[in-house]
């Protein structure tokens, strides 16, 4: 695994979650409590999210944090 791959993996999981629920990026960002540009950057793996923030996201989304980290 290369540096940055984990960010992209988390982003892919966030995007899959959003698409499975038929949410727009803007609606998803609002749901998460983030600005839409930040949420979009997370999905693209461009932002480095802290472990604490990742835990908070998992709680909001109703998933285990390992689901966001796993392959």
PDB file of N, CA and C in Angstrom:
ATOM      1  N   UNK A   1       0.849  -1.170   0.000  1.00  0.00           N
ATOM      2  CA  UNK A   1       0.000   0.000   0.000  1.00  0.00           C
ATOM      3  C   UNK A   1       0.896   1.235   0.000  1.00  0.00           C
ATOM      4  N   UNK A   2       0.619   2.158  -0.880  1.00  0.00           N
ATOM      5  CA  UNK A   2       1.390   3.396  -0.981  1.00  0.00           C
ATOM      6  C   UNK A   2       0.773   4.486  -0.108  1.00  0.00           C
ATOM      7  N   UNK A   3       1.576   5.477   0.183  1.00  0.00           N
ATOM      8  CA  UNK A   3       1.092   6.621   0.954  1.00  0.00           C
ATOM      9  C   UNK A   3      -0.052   7.278   0.186  1.00  0.00           C
ATOM     10  N   UNK A   4      -1.145   7.529   0.873  1.00  0.00           N
ATOM     11  CA  UNK A   4      -2.309   8.150   0.257  1.00  0.00           C
ATOM     12  C   UNK A   4      -3.371   7.155  -0.173  1.00  0.00           C
ATOM     13  N   UNK A   5      -3.009   5.872  -0.251  1.00  0.00           N
ATOM     14  CA  UNK A   5      -3.987   4.862  -0.664  1.00  0.00           C
ATOM     15  C   UNK A   5      -5.130   4.733   0.336  1.00  0.00           C
ATOM     16  N   UNK A   6      -4.825   4.844   1.616  1.00  0.00           N
ATOM     17  CA  UNK A   6      -5.861   4.718   2.637  1.00  0.00           C
ATOM     18  C   UNK A   6      -6.879   5.855   2.524  1.00  0.00           C
ATOM     19  N   UNK A   7      -6.395   7.068   2.251  1.00  0.00           N
ATOM     20  CA  UNK A   7      -7.307   8.206   2.056  1.00  0.00           C
ATOM     21  C   UNK A   7      -8.248   7.925   0.891  1.00  0.00           C
ATOM     22  N   UNK A   8      -7.711   7.400  -0.195  1.00  0.00           N
ATOM     23  CA  UNK A   8      -8.529   7.097  -1.370  1.00  0.00           C
ATOM     24  C   UNK A   8      -9.518   5.976  -1.078  1.00  0.00           C
ATOM     25  N   UNK A   9      -9.086   5.016  -0.289  1.00  0.00           N
ATOM     26  CA  UNK A   9      -9.963   3.903   0.080  1.00  0.00           C
ATOM     27  C   UNK A   9     -11.134   4.393   0.922  1.00  0.00           C
ATOM     28  N   UNK A  10     -10.853   5.237   1.909  1.00  0.00           N
ATOM     29  CA  UNK A  10     -11.916   5.812   2.737  1.00  0.00           C
ATOM     30  C   UNK A  10     -12.859   6.623   1.853  1.00  0.00           C
ATOM     31  N   UNK A  11     -12.291   7.413   0.955  1.00  0.00           N
ATOM     32  CA  UNK A  11     -13.110   8.212   0.045  1.00  0.00           C
ATOM     33  C   UNK A  11     -14.015   7.356  -0.815  1.00  0.00           C
ATOM     34  N   UNK A  12     -13.504   6.248  -1.303  1.00  0.00           N
ATOM     35  CA  UNK A  12     -14.315   5.342  -2.123  1.00  0.00           C
ATOM     36  C   UNK A  12     -15.468   4.764  -1.316  1.00  0.00           C
ATOM     37  N   UNK A  13     -15.218   4.447  -0.050  1.00  0.00           N
ATOM     38  CA  UNK A  13     -16.284   3.930   0.807  1.00  0.00           C
ATOM     39  C   UNK A  13     -17.345   5.004   1.080  1.00  0.00           C
ATOM     40  N   UNK A  14     -16.893   6.236   1.290  1.00  0.00           N
ATOM     41  CA  UNK A  14     -17.844   7.329   1.506  1.00  0.00           C
ATOM     42  C   UNK A  14     -18.714   7.535   0.260  1.00  0.00           C
ATOM     43  N   UNK A  15     -18.085   7.520  -0.899  1.00  0.00           N
ATOM     44  CA  UNK A  15     -18.813   7.715  -2.150  1.00  0.00           C
ATOM     45  C   UNK A  15     -19.809   6.578  -2.375  1.00  0.00           C
ATOM     46  N   UNK A  16     -19.398   5.346  -2.118  1.00  0.00           N
ATOM     47  CA  UNK A  16     -20.289   4.194  -2.290  1.00  0.00           C
ATOM     48  C   UNK A  16     -21.493   4.309  -1.354  1.00  0.00           C
ATOM     49  N   UNK A  17     -21.242   4.697  -0.112  1.00  0.00           N
ATOM     50  CA  UNK A  17     -22.320   4.880   0.855  1.00  0.00           C
ATOM     51  C   UNK A  17     -23.318   5.910   0.338  1.00  0.00           C
ATOM     52  N   UNK A  18     -22.775   7.043  -0.142  1.00  0.00           N
ATOM     53  CA  UNK A  18     -23.632   8.132  -0.647  1.00  0.00           C
ATOM     54  C   UNK A  18     -24.453   7.678  -1.841  1.00  0.00           C
ATOM     55  N   UNK A  19     -23.815   7.017  -2.790  1.00  0.00           N
ATOM     56  CA  UNK A  19     -24.510   6.578  -4.002  1.00  0.00           C
ATOM     57  C   UNK A  19     -25.556   5.511  -3.712  1.00  0.00           C
ATOM     58  N   UNK A  20     -25.263   4.609  -2.771  1.00  0.00           N
ATOM     59  CA  UNK A  20     -26.231   3.575  -2.396  1.00  0.00           C
ATOM     60  C   UNK A  20     -27.510   4.186  -1.845  1.00  0.00           C
ATOM     61  N   UNK A  21     -27.397   5.359  -1.280  1.00  0.00           N
ATOM     62  CA  UNK A  21     -28.561   6.032  -0.694  1.00  0.00           C
ATOM     63  C   UNK A  21     -29.147   7.098  -1.609  1.00  0.00           C
ATOM     64  N   UNK A  22     -28.584   7.226  -2.802  1.00  0.00           N
ATOM     65  CA  UNK A  22     -29.108   8.167  -3.781  1.00  0.00           C
ATOM     66  C   UNK A  22     -28.974   9.620  -3.373  1.00  0.00           C
ATOM     67  N   UNK A  23     -27.923   9.926  -2.630  1.00  0.00           N
ATOM     68  CA  UNK A  23     -27.731  11.291  -2.150  1.00  0.00           C
ATOM     69  C   UNK A  23     -26.789  12.058  -3.074  1.00  0.00           C
ATOM     70  N   UNK A  24     -27.065  13.337  -3.242  1.00  0.00           N
ATOM     71  CA  UNK A  24     -26.137  14.209  -3.958  1.00  0.00           C
ATOM     72  C   UNK A  24     -24.958  14.499  -3.036  1.00  0.00           C
ATOM     73  N   UNK A  25     -23.864  15.001  -3.608  1.00  0.00           N
ATOM     74  CA  UNK A  25     -22.726  15.369  -2.770  1.00  0.00           C
ATOM     75  C   UNK A  25     -23.121  16.449  -1.774  1.00  0.00           C
ATOM     76  N   UNK A  26     -23.931  17.374  -2.214  1.00  0.00           N
ATOM     77  CA  UNK A  26     -24.351  18.460  -1.324  1.00  0.00           C
ATOM     78  C   UNK A  26     -25.199  17.929  -0.167  1.00  0.00           C
ATOM     79  N   UNK A  27     -26.155  17.049  -0.464  1.00  0.00           N
ATOM     80  CA  UNK A  27     -26.998  16.471   0.583  1.00  0.00           C
ATOM     81  C   UNK A  27     -26.167  15.619   1.535  1.00  0.00           C
ATOM     82  N   UNK A  28     -25.213  14.877   0.984  1.00  0.00           N
ATOM     83  CA  UNK A  28     -24.351  14.036   1.810  1.00  0.00           C
ATOM     84  C   UNK A  28     -23.489  14.887   2.727  1.00  0.00           C
ATOM     85  N   UNK A  29     -22.929  15.970   2.192  1.00  0.00           N
ATOM     86  CA  UNK A  29     -22.120  16.882   3.001  1.00  0.00           C
ATOM     87  C   UNK A  29     -22.947  17.453   4.146  1.00  0.00           C
ATOM     88  N   UNK A  30     -24.163  17.841   3.858  1.00  0.00           N
ATOM     89  CA  UNK A  30     -25.047  18.377   4.899  1.00  0.00           C
ATOM     90  C   UNK A  30     -25.331  17.315   5.959  1.00  0.00           C
ATOM     91  N   UNK A  31     -25.582  16.086   5.509  1.00  0.00           N
ATOM     92  CA  UNK A  31     -25.828  14.960   6.404  1.00  0.00           C
ATOM     93  C   UNK A  31     -24.637  14.733   7.337  1.00  0.00           C
ATOM     94  N   UNK A  32     -23.431  14.868   6.793  1.00  0.00           N
ATOM     95  CA  UNK A  32     -22.220  14.653   7.582  1.00  0.00           C
ATOM     96  C   UNK A  32     -21.850  15.850   8.442  1.00  0.00           C
ATOM     97  N   UNK A  33     -22.406  17.018   8.117  1.00  0.00           N
ATOM     98  CA  UNK A  33     -22.070  18.223   8.858  1.00  0.00           C
ATOM     99  C   UNK A  33     -20.823  18.914   8.338  1.00  0.00           C
ATOM    100  N   UNK A  34     -20.499  18.669   7.053  1.00  0.00           N
ATOM    101  CA  UNK A  34     -19.326  19.259   6.423  1.00  0.00           C
ATOM    102  C   UNK A  34     -19.736  20.166   5.279  1.00  0.00           C
ATOM    103  N   UNK A  35     -18.823  21.058   4.886  1.00  0.00           N
ATOM    104  CA  UNK A  35     -19.037  21.864   3.687  1.00  0.00           C
ATOM    105  C   UNK A  35     -18.930  20.940   2.488  1.00  0.00           C
ATOM    106  N   UNK A  36     -19.679  21.221   1.433  1.00  0.00           N
ATOM    107  CA  UNK A  36     -19.720  20.321   0.277  1.00  0.00           C
ATOM    108  C   UNK A  36     -18.367  20.142  -0.395  1.00  0.00           C
ATOM    109  N   UNK A  37     -17.537  21.187  -0.403  1.00  0.00           N
ATOM    110  CA  UNK A  37     -16.224  21.040  -1.040  1.00  0.00           C
ATOM    111  C   UNK A  37     -15.306  20.138  -0.215  1.00  0.00           C
ATOM    112  N   UNK A  38     -15.434  20.204   1.104  1.00  0.00           N
ATOM    113  CA  UNK A  38     -14.635  19.332   1.970  1.00  0.00           C
ATOM    114  C   UNK A  38     -15.090  17.893   1.817  1.00  0.00           C
ATOM    115  N   UNK A  39     -16.394  17.664   1.802  1.00  0.00           N
ATOM    116  CA  UNK A  39     -16.914  16.301   1.639  1.00  0.00           C
ATOM    117  C   UNK A  39     -16.494  15.732   0.289  1.00  0.00           C
ATOM    118  N   UNK A  40     -16.515  16.540  -0.752  1.00  0.00           N
ATOM    119  CA  UNK A  40     -16.077  16.095  -2.070  1.00  0.00           C
ATOM    120  C   UNK A  40     -14.605  15.737  -2.082  1.00  0.00           C
ATOM    121  N   UNK A  41     -13.794  16.536  -1.393  1.00  0.00           N
ATOM    122  CA  UNK A  41     -12.358  16.260  -1.308  1.00  0.00           C
ATOM    123  C   UNK A  41     -12.100  14.972  -0.532  1.00  0.00           C
ATOM    124  N   UNK A  42     -12.913  14.702   0.491  1.00  0.00           N
ATOM    125  CA  UNK A  42     -12.791  13.437   1.215  1.00  0.00           C
ATOM    126  C   UNK A  42     -13.077  12.263   0.287  1.00  0.00           C
ATOM    127  N   UNK A  43     -14.144  12.381  -0.495  1.00  0.00           N
ATOM    128  CA  UNK A  43     -14.510  11.316  -1.430  1.00  0.00           C
ATOM    129  C   UNK A  43     -13.400  11.050  -2.448  1.00  0.00           C
ATOM    130  N   UNK A  44     -12.726  12.084  -2.868  1.00  0.00           N
ATOM    131  CA  UNK A  44     -11.662  11.938  -3.866  1.00  0.00           C
ATOM    132  C   UNK A  44     -10.329  11.532  -3.243  1.00  0.00           C
ATOM    133  N   UNK A  45     -10.292  11.423  -1.923  1.00  0.00           N
ATOM    134  CA  UNK A  45      -9.063  11.040  -1.240  1.00  0.00           C
ATOM    135  C   UNK A  45      -8.033  12.142  -1.204  1.00  0.00           C
ATOM    136  N   UNK A  46      -8.491  13.374  -1.296  1.00  0.00           N
ATOM    137  CA  UNK A  46      -7.593  14.530  -1.317  1.00  0.00           C
ATOM    138  C   UNK A  46      -7.360  15.138   0.064  1.00  0.00           C
ATOM    139  N   UNK A  47      -8.178  14.759   1.019  1.00  0.00           N
ATOM    140  CA  UNK A  47      -8.057  15.321   2.368  1.00  0.00           C
ATOM    141  C   UNK A  47      -7.678  14.236   3.353  1.00  0.00           C
ATOM    142  N   UNK A  48      -6.852  14.600   4.303  1.00  0.00           N
ATOM    143  CA  UNK A  48      -6.414  13.682   5.342  1.00  0.00           C
ATOM    144  C   UNK A  48      -7.319  13.881   6.549  1.00  0.00           C
ATOM    145  N   UNK A  49      -8.152  12.919   6.822  1.00  0.00           N
ATOM    146  CA  UNK A  49      -9.102  13.021   7.927  1.00  0.00           C
ATOM    147  C   UNK A  49      -8.493  12.390   9.178  1.00  0.00           C
ATOM    148  N   UNK A  50      -8.708  13.005  10.323  1.00  0.00           N
ATOM    149  CA  UNK A  50      -8.167  12.462  11.571  1.00  0.00           C
ATOM    150  C   UNK A  50      -8.944  11.206  11.958  1.00  0.00           C
ATOM    151  N   UNK A  51      -8.334  10.401  12.791  1.00  0.00           N
ATOM    152  CA  UNK A  51      -9.009   9.188  13.261  1.00  0.00           C
ATOM    153  C   UNK A  51     -10.263   9.536  14.050  1.00  0.00           C
ATOM    154  N   UNK A  52     -10.195  10.577  14.840  1.00  0.00           N
ATOM    155  CA  UNK A  52     -11.359  10.993  15.620  1.00  0.00           C
ATOM    156  C   UNK A  52     -12.498  11.417  14.686  1.00  0.00           C
ATOM    157  N   UNK A  53     -12.183  12.177  13.649  1.00  0.00           N
ATOM    158  CA  UNK A  53     -13.202  12.593  12.689  1.00  0.00           C
ATOM    159  C   UNK A  53     -13.768  11.394  11.944  1.00  0.00           C
ATOM    160  N   UNK A  54     -12.920  10.424  11.641  1.00  0.00           N
ATOM    161  CA  UNK A  54     -13.381   9.214  10.969  1.00  0.00           C
ATOM    162  C   UNK A  54     -14.348   8.445  11.865  1.00  0.00           C
ATOM    163  N   UNK A  55     -14.035   8.382  13.152  1.00  0.00           N
ATOM    164  CA  UNK A  55     -14.941   7.734  14.107  1.00  0.00           C
ATOM    165  C   UNK A  55     -16.279   8.469  14.160  1.00  0.00           C
ATOM    166  N   UNK A  56     -16.244   9.789  14.170  1.00  0.00           N
ATOM    167  CA  UNK A  56     -17.470  10.585  14.203  1.00  0.00           C
ATOM    168  C   UNK A  56     -18.305  10.361  12.943  1.00  0.00           C
ATOM    169  N   UNK A  57     -17.633  10.281  11.781  1.00  0.00           N
ATOM    170  CA  UNK A  57     -18.340  10.001  10.535  1.00  0.00           C
ATOM    171  C   UNK A  57     -19.041   8.654  10.599  1.00  0.00           C
ATOM    172  N   UNK A  58     -18.327   7.650  11.078  1.00  0.00           N
ATOM    173  CA  UNK A  58     -18.902   6.306  11.169  1.00  0.00           C
ATOM    174  C   UNK A  58     -20.149   6.312  12.041  1.00  0.00           C
ATOM    175  N   UNK A  59     -20.110   7.031  13.154  1.00  0.00           N
ATOM    176  CA  UNK A  59     -21.278   7.126  14.034  1.00  0.00           C
ATOM    177  C   UNK A  59     -22.441   7.785  13.293  1.00  0.00           C
ATOM    178  N   UNK A  60     -22.182   8.907  12.621  1.00  0.00           N
ATOM    179  CA  UNK A  60     -23.238   9.606  11.880  1.00  0.00           C
ATOM    180  C   UNK A  60     -23.843   8.718  10.798  1.00  0.00           C
ATOM    181  N   UNK A  61     -22.967   7.916  10.169  1.00  0.00           N
ATOM    182  CA  UNK A  61     -23.407   7.066   9.070  1.00  0.00           C
ATOM    183  C   UNK A  61     -24.016   5.756   9.559  1.00  0.00           C
ATOM    184  N   UNK A  62     -23.830   5.436  10.823  1.00  0.00           N
ATOM    185  CA  UNK A  62     -24.364   4.194  11.362  1.00  0.00           C
ATOM    186  C   UNK A  62     -23.609   2.957  10.901  1.00  0.00           C
ATOM    187  N   UNK A  63     -22.291   3.112  10.708  1.00  0.00           N
ATOM    188  CA  UNK A  63     -21.449   1.993  10.275  1.00  0.00           C
ATOM    189  C   UNK A  63     -20.269   1.869  11.233  1.00  0.00           C
ATOM    190  N   UNK A  64     -19.598   0.729  11.175  1.00  0.00           N
ATOM    191  CA  UNK A  64     -18.380   0.539  11.953  1.00  0.00           C
ATOM    192  C   UNK A  64     -17.239   1.256  11.239  1.00  0.00           C
ATOM    193  N   UNK A  65     -16.337   1.836  11.993  1.00  0.00           N
ATOM    194  CA  UNK A  65     -15.224   2.576  11.407  1.00  0.00           C
ATOM    195  C   UNK A  65     -14.399   1.668  10.490  1.00  0.00           C
ATOM    196  N   UNK A  66     -14.296   0.392  10.819  1.00  0.00           N
ATOM    197  CA  UNK A  66     -13.520  -0.532   9.996  1.00  0.00           C
ATOM    198  C   UNK A  66     -14.135  -0.714   8.614  1.00  0.00           C
ATOM    199  N   UNK A  67     -15.448  -0.483   8.478  1.00  0.00           N
ATOM    200  CA  UNK A  67     -16.081  -0.535   7.159  1.00  0.00           C
ATOM    201  C   UNK A  67     -15.544   0.572   6.259  1.00  0.00           C
ATOM    202  N   UNK A  68     -15.195   1.689   6.838  1.00  0.00           N
ATOM    203  CA  UNK A  68     -14.662   2.810   6.060  1.00  0.00           C
ATOM    204  C   UNK A  68     -13.186   2.605   5.724  1.00  0.00           C
ATOM    205  N   UNK A  69     -12.501   1.811   6.548  1.00  0.00           N
ATOM    206  CA  UNK A  69     -11.075   1.576   6.330  1.00  0.00           C
ATOM    207  C   UNK A  69     -10.799   0.328   5.498  1.00  0.00           C
ATOM    208  N   UNK A  70     -11.708  -0.641   5.544  1.00  0.00           N
ATOM    209  CA  UNK A  70     -11.479  -1.929   4.892  1.00  0.00           C
ATOM    210  C   UNK A  70     -11.524  -1.857   3.382  1.00  0.00           C
ATOM    211  N   UNK A  71     -11.005  -2.916   2.786  1.00  0.00           N
ATOM    212  CA  UNK A  71     -10.990  -2.987   1.307  1.00  0.00           C
ATOM    213  C   UNK A  71     -12.310  -3.463   0.773  1.00  0.00           C
TER     214      UNK A  71
END
